[in-house]
Amino acid sequence: MSAVAIVFLTLAIVILWGGLIASILYLRARPDRADYPQGGEDDERPANAIIERDT
């Protein structure tokens, strides 16, 4: 392998693993989202109703 290929290989490894480590650290610092939008929990349909589509 030439020197340029080794440099690019090292750079690619640092970018990929660095991004993985940065994302893991970010998720460890802020594990849950606190500002979910209102609603979306109950849709007022029976659990075993026939699915109706607007077509």
N, C-alpha and C. Protein backbone atom coordinates (compact mmCIF):
# COMPACT_ATOMS: atom_id res chain seq x y z
N MET A 1 0.85 -1.18 0.00
CA MET A 1 0.00 0.00 0.00
C MET A 1 0.89 1.24 0.00
N SER A 2 0.43 2.23 -0.72
CA SER A 2 1.19 3.47 -0.77
C SER A 2 0.89 4.31 0.46
N ALA A 3 1.66 5.35 0.65
CA ALA A 3 1.49 6.23 1.81
C ALA A 3 0.15 6.96 1.76
N VAL A 4 -0.28 7.35 0.58
CA VAL A 4 -1.56 8.04 0.43
C VAL A 4 -2.71 7.11 0.81
N ALA A 5 -2.63 5.86 0.40
CA ALA A 5 -3.68 4.90 0.74
C ALA A 5 -3.75 4.68 2.25
N ILE A 6 -2.62 4.61 2.91
CA ILE A 6 -2.59 4.43 4.36
C ILE A 6 -3.17 5.66 5.07
N VAL A 7 -2.86 6.83 4.57
CA VAL A 7 -3.39 8.06 5.17
C VAL A 7 -4.90 8.10 5.02
N PHE A 8 -5.41 7.78 3.84
CA PHE A 8 -6.86 7.79 3.62
C PHE A 8 -7.55 6.70 4.43
N LEU A 9 -6.93 5.54 4.56
CA LEU A 9 -7.48 4.47 5.38
C LEU A 9 -7.57 4.92 6.84
N THR A 10 -6.52 5.51 7.34
CA THR A 10 -6.51 6.01 8.72
C THR A 10 -7.55 7.10 8.91
N LEU A 11 -7.67 8.00 7.97
CA LEU A 11 -8.66 9.07 8.06
C LEU A 11 -10.08 8.51 8.06
N ALA A 12 -10.35 7.53 7.22
CA ALA A 12 -11.68 6.92 7.17
C ALA A 12 -12.00 6.20 8.47
N ILE A 13 -11.03 5.50 9.03
CA ILE A 13 -11.25 4.80 10.30
C ILE A 13 -11.52 5.80 11.42
N VAL A 14 -10.77 6.88 11.47
CA VAL A 14 -10.97 7.90 12.51
C VAL A 14 -12.34 8.55 12.37
N ILE A 15 -12.76 8.84 11.15
CA ILE A 15 -14.08 9.47 10.96
C ILE A 15 -15.20 8.52 11.37
N LEU A 16 -15.13 7.26 10.94
CA LEU A 16 -16.20 6.31 11.26
C LEU A 16 -16.26 5.99 12.74
N TRP A 17 -15.15 5.60 13.32
CA TRP A 17 -15.15 5.25 14.75
C TRP A 17 -15.35 6.48 15.62
N GLY A 18 -14.84 7.62 15.19
CA GLY A 18 -15.05 8.85 15.95
C GLY A 18 -16.51 9.25 15.97
N GLY A 19 -17.20 9.08 14.85
CA GLY A 19 -18.63 9.36 14.81
C GLY A 19 -19.42 8.42 15.68
N LEU A 20 -19.04 7.15 15.69
CA LEU A 20 -19.71 6.18 16.55
C LEU A 20 -19.51 6.53 18.02
N ILE A 21 -18.30 6.85 18.40
CA ILE A 21 -18.01 7.20 19.80
C ILE A 21 -18.72 8.49 20.18
N ALA A 22 -18.74 9.48 19.29
CA ALA A 22 -19.43 10.74 19.58
C ALA A 22 -20.93 10.53 19.75
N SER A 23 -21.53 9.68 18.92
CA SER A 23 -22.96 9.44 19.04
C SER A 23 -23.29 8.66 20.32
N ILE A 24 -22.44 7.73 20.71
CA ILE A 24 -22.65 7.01 21.96
C ILE A 24 -22.56 7.95 23.14
N LEU A 25 -21.57 8.83 23.15
CA LEU A 25 -21.43 9.78 24.25
C LEU A 25 -22.59 10.76 24.30
N TYR A 26 -23.08 11.18 23.14
CA TYR A 26 -24.23 12.08 23.10
C TYR A 26 -25.47 11.40 23.67
N LEU A 27 -25.71 10.15 23.28
CA LEU A 27 -26.88 9.44 23.78
C LEU A 27 -26.76 9.10 25.26
N ARG A 28 -25.56 8.90 25.76
CA ARG A 28 -25.39 8.67 27.19
C ARG A 28 -25.68 9.93 27.99
N ALA A 29 -25.36 11.10 27.43
CA ALA A 29 -25.60 12.36 28.14
C ALA A 29 -27.06 12.76 28.09
N ARG A 30 -27.75 12.49 26.98
CA ARG A 30 -29.15 12.86 26.80
C ARG A 30 -29.94 11.65 26.33
N PRO A 31 -30.29 10.72 27.22
CA PRO A 31 -30.90 9.46 26.78
C PRO A 31 -32.35 9.56 26.32
N ASP A 32 -33.15 10.44 26.91
CA ASP A 32 -34.56 10.52 26.56
C ASP A 32 -34.92 11.91 26.08
N ARG A 33 -35.88 11.95 25.20
CA ARG A 33 -36.37 13.22 24.70
C ARG A 33 -37.47 13.71 25.63
N ALA A 34 -37.43 14.98 26.01
CA ALA A 34 -38.38 15.50 26.99
C ALA A 34 -39.52 16.28 26.34
N ASP A 35 -39.41 16.67 25.10
CA ASP A 35 -40.40 17.56 24.49
C ASP A 35 -41.19 16.87 23.38
N TYR A 36 -41.91 15.81 23.73
CA TYR A 36 -42.76 15.14 22.76
C TYR A 36 -44.00 15.98 22.48
N PRO A 37 -44.54 15.94 21.27
CA PRO A 37 -45.76 16.70 20.98
C PRO A 37 -46.96 16.08 21.69
N GLN A 38 -47.99 16.89 21.89
CA GLN A 38 -49.20 16.43 22.56
C GLN A 38 -49.96 15.47 21.65
N GLY A 39 -50.70 14.54 22.26
CA GLY A 39 -51.54 13.63 21.49
C GLY A 39 -50.79 12.43 20.99
N GLY A 40 -51.49 11.66 20.18
CA GLY A 40 -50.87 10.50 19.57
C GLY A 40 -50.97 9.23 20.40
N GLU A 41 -51.56 9.28 21.58
CA GLU A 41 -51.64 8.11 22.42
C GLU A 41 -52.88 7.27 22.13
N ASP A 42 -54.05 7.90 22.02
CA ASP A 42 -55.30 7.18 21.87
C ASP A 42 -55.98 7.62 20.58
N ASP A 43 -56.46 6.68 19.78
CA ASP A 43 -57.08 7.04 18.52
C ASP A 43 -58.59 6.82 18.51
N GLU A 44 -59.20 6.50 19.65
CA GLU A 44 -60.64 6.40 19.85
C GLU A 44 -61.31 5.32 18.99
N ARG A 45 -60.58 4.31 18.55
CA ARG A 45 -61.16 3.19 17.82
C ARG A 45 -61.11 1.95 18.71
N PRO A 46 -62.05 1.05 18.52
CA PRO A 46 -61.96 -0.22 19.26
C PRO A 46 -60.71 -0.99 18.83
N ALA A 47 -60.22 -1.82 19.69
CA ALA A 47 -58.97 -2.54 19.43
C ALA A 47 -59.08 -3.52 18.27
N ASN A 48 -60.28 -4.09 18.05
CA ASN A 48 -60.39 -5.10 17.00
C ASN A 48 -61.33 -4.65 15.88
N ALA A 49 -61.39 -3.36 15.61
CA ALA A 49 -62.26 -2.83 14.56
C ALA A 49 -61.66 -3.09 13.18
N ILE A 50 -62.51 -3.04 12.16
CA ILE A 50 -62.08 -3.19 10.79
C ILE A 50 -61.33 -1.92 10.38
N ILE A 51 -60.22 -2.07 9.72
CA ILE A 51 -59.43 -0.92 9.29
C ILE A 51 -60.14 -0.24 8.12
N GLU A 52 -60.39 1.05 8.24
CA GLU A 52 -61.02 1.82 7.18
C GLU A 52 -59.97 2.72 6.54
N ARG A 53 -59.92 2.68 5.23
CA ARG A 53 -58.96 3.51 4.50
C ARG A 53 -59.69 4.54 3.67
N ASP A 54 -59.12 5.73 3.54
CA ASP A 54 -59.68 6.79 2.72
C ASP A 54 -59.12 6.67 1.32
N THR A 55 -59.81 5.91 0.45
CA THR A 55 -59.32 5.74 -0.91
C THR A 55 -60.34 6.21 -1.91
